[in-house]
C-alpha atoms as a PDB file:
ATOM      1  CA  MET A   1      45.668 -85.225  41.152  1.00  0.00           C
ATOM      2  CA  THR A   2      41.891 -84.674  40.596  1.00  0.00           C
ATOM      3  CA  PHE A   3      39.463 -83.367  37.638  1.00  0.00           C
ATOM      4  CA  TRP A   4      40.090 -79.960  39.236  1.00  0.00           C
ATOM      5  CA  GLY A   5      44.001 -79.775  39.411  1.00  0.00           C
ATOM      6  CA  HIS A   6      46.241 -80.890  42.424  1.00  0.00           C
ATOM      7  CA  ILE A   7      44.796 -81.200  46.134  1.00  0.00           C
ATOM      8  CA  LYS A   8      45.859 -82.330  48.733  1.00  0.00           C
ATOM      9  CA  PHE A   9      44.603 -83.211  52.847  1.00  0.00           C
ATOM     10  CA  TYR A  10      46.200 -83.144  56.305  1.00  0.00           C
ATOM     11  CA  SER A  11      46.631 -86.764  57.589  1.00  0.00           C
ATOM     12  CA  GLY A  12      47.131 -86.237  61.149  1.00  0.00           C
ATOM     13  CA  ALA A  13      44.981 -87.336  63.562  1.00  0.00           C
ATOM     14  CA  ASP A  14      43.868 -84.274  65.438  1.00  0.00           C
ATOM     15  CA  LYS A  15      42.463 -82.851  62.128  1.00  0.00           C
ATOM     16  CA  HIS A  16      42.465 -85.633  59.719  1.00  0.00           C
ATOM     17  CA  GLY A  17      41.001 -85.342  55.918  1.00  0.00           C
ATOM     18  CA  LEU A  18      41.158 -81.629  56.352  1.00  0.00           C
ATOM     19  CA  GLN A  19      41.993 -80.136  52.378  1.00  0.00           C
ATOM     20  CA  ILE A  20      45.024 -78.273  53.517  1.00  0.00           C
ATOM     21  CA  GLY A  21      46.535 -77.691  49.804  1.00  0.00           C
ATOM     22  CA  HIS A  22      44.622 -77.337  46.115  1.00  0.00           C
ATOM     23  CA  SER A  23      46.313 -75.449  43.114  1.00  0.00           C
ATOM     24  CA  MET A  24      43.094 -75.058  40.134  1.00  0.00           C
ATOM     25  CA  VAL A  25      43.906 -75.156  36.903  1.00  0.00           C
ATOM     26  CA  LEU A  26      43.150 -71.951  34.285  1.00  0.00           C
ATOM     27  CA  VAL A  27      41.556 -71.905  31.280  1.00  0.00           C
ATOM     28  CA  GLN A  28      41.490 -69.489  28.732  1.00  0.00           C
ATOM     29  CA  TRP A  29      39.607 -69.242  25.083  1.00  0.00           C
ATOM     30  CA  GLN A  30      41.956 -68.076  22.442  1.00  0.00           C
ATOM     31  CA  LYS A  31      42.892 -67.815  18.798  1.00  0.00           C
ATOM     32  CA  GLN A  32      44.773 -69.982  16.924  1.00  0.00           C
ATOM     33  CA  ASN A  33      45.314 -70.240  13.349  1.00  0.00           C
ATOM     34  CA  GLY A  34      41.930 -68.449  13.270  1.00  0.00           C
ATOM     35  CA  LYS A  35      39.933 -70.634  15.719  1.00  0.00           C
ATOM     36  CA  LEU A  36      39.130 -70.530  18.631  1.00  0.00           C
ATOM     37  CA  VAL A  37      41.305 -72.995  21.379  1.00  0.00           C
ATOM     38  CA  LYS A  38      40.849 -73.395  24.941  1.00  0.00           C
ATOM     39  CA  VAL A  39      44.465 -73.415  26.756  1.00  0.00           C
ATOM     40  CA  ILE A  40      45.400 -73.967  30.213  1.00  0.00           C
ATOM     41  CA  VAL A  41      47.374 -70.605  31.181  1.00  0.00           C
ATOM     42  CA  TYR A  42      48.042 -71.476  34.837  1.00  0.00           C
ATOM     43  CA  PRO A  43      49.537 -73.005  36.806  1.00  0.00           C
ATOM     44  CA  GLU A  44      53.139 -72.209  34.645  1.00  0.00           C
ATOM     45  CA  GLU A  45      53.872 -75.830  34.571  1.00  0.00           C
ATOM     46  CA  ALA A  46      51.321 -76.711  33.071  1.00  0.00           C
ATOM     47  CA  ALA A  47      50.599 -73.760  30.751  1.00  0.00           C
ATOM     48  CA  GLN A  48      49.764 -74.174  27.010  1.00  0.00           C
ATOM     49  CA  ALA A  49      50.077 -70.293  25.900  1.00  0.00           C
ATOM     50  CA  LYS A  50      50.360 -67.166  28.365  1.00  0.00           C
ATOM     51  CA  PRO A  51      47.319 -65.080  28.910  1.00  0.00           C
ATOM     52  CA  ILE A  52      45.972 -62.840  26.786  1.00  0.00           C
ATOM     53  CA  TYR A  53      45.552 -59.761  29.449  1.00  0.00           C
ATOM     54  CA  PRO A  54      43.545 -57.382  29.233  1.00  0.00           C
ATOM     55  CA  ILE A  55      40.888 -58.893  26.589  1.00  0.00           C
ATOM     56  CA  PRO A  56      40.936 -56.928  23.222  1.00  0.00           C
ATOM     57  CA  TRP A  57      37.306 -55.948  22.990  1.00  0.00           C
ATOM     58  CA  ASN A  58      36.931 -55.391  18.496  1.00  0.00           C
ATOM     59  CA  LYS A  59      34.500 -52.509  18.437  1.00  0.00           C
END
């Protein structure tokens, strides 16, 4: 686990250290109780809320 999410490196002798897996955490600013808060929306196992898409625009 790193600051940016899960990461995996190849450990075989021929390509030792090659990055072979990486999953990012995606956040989105959402309104909760009238305040903007940053929530994790992906990956599902870490999600705090469902993503809002498309984002509604106030005119």
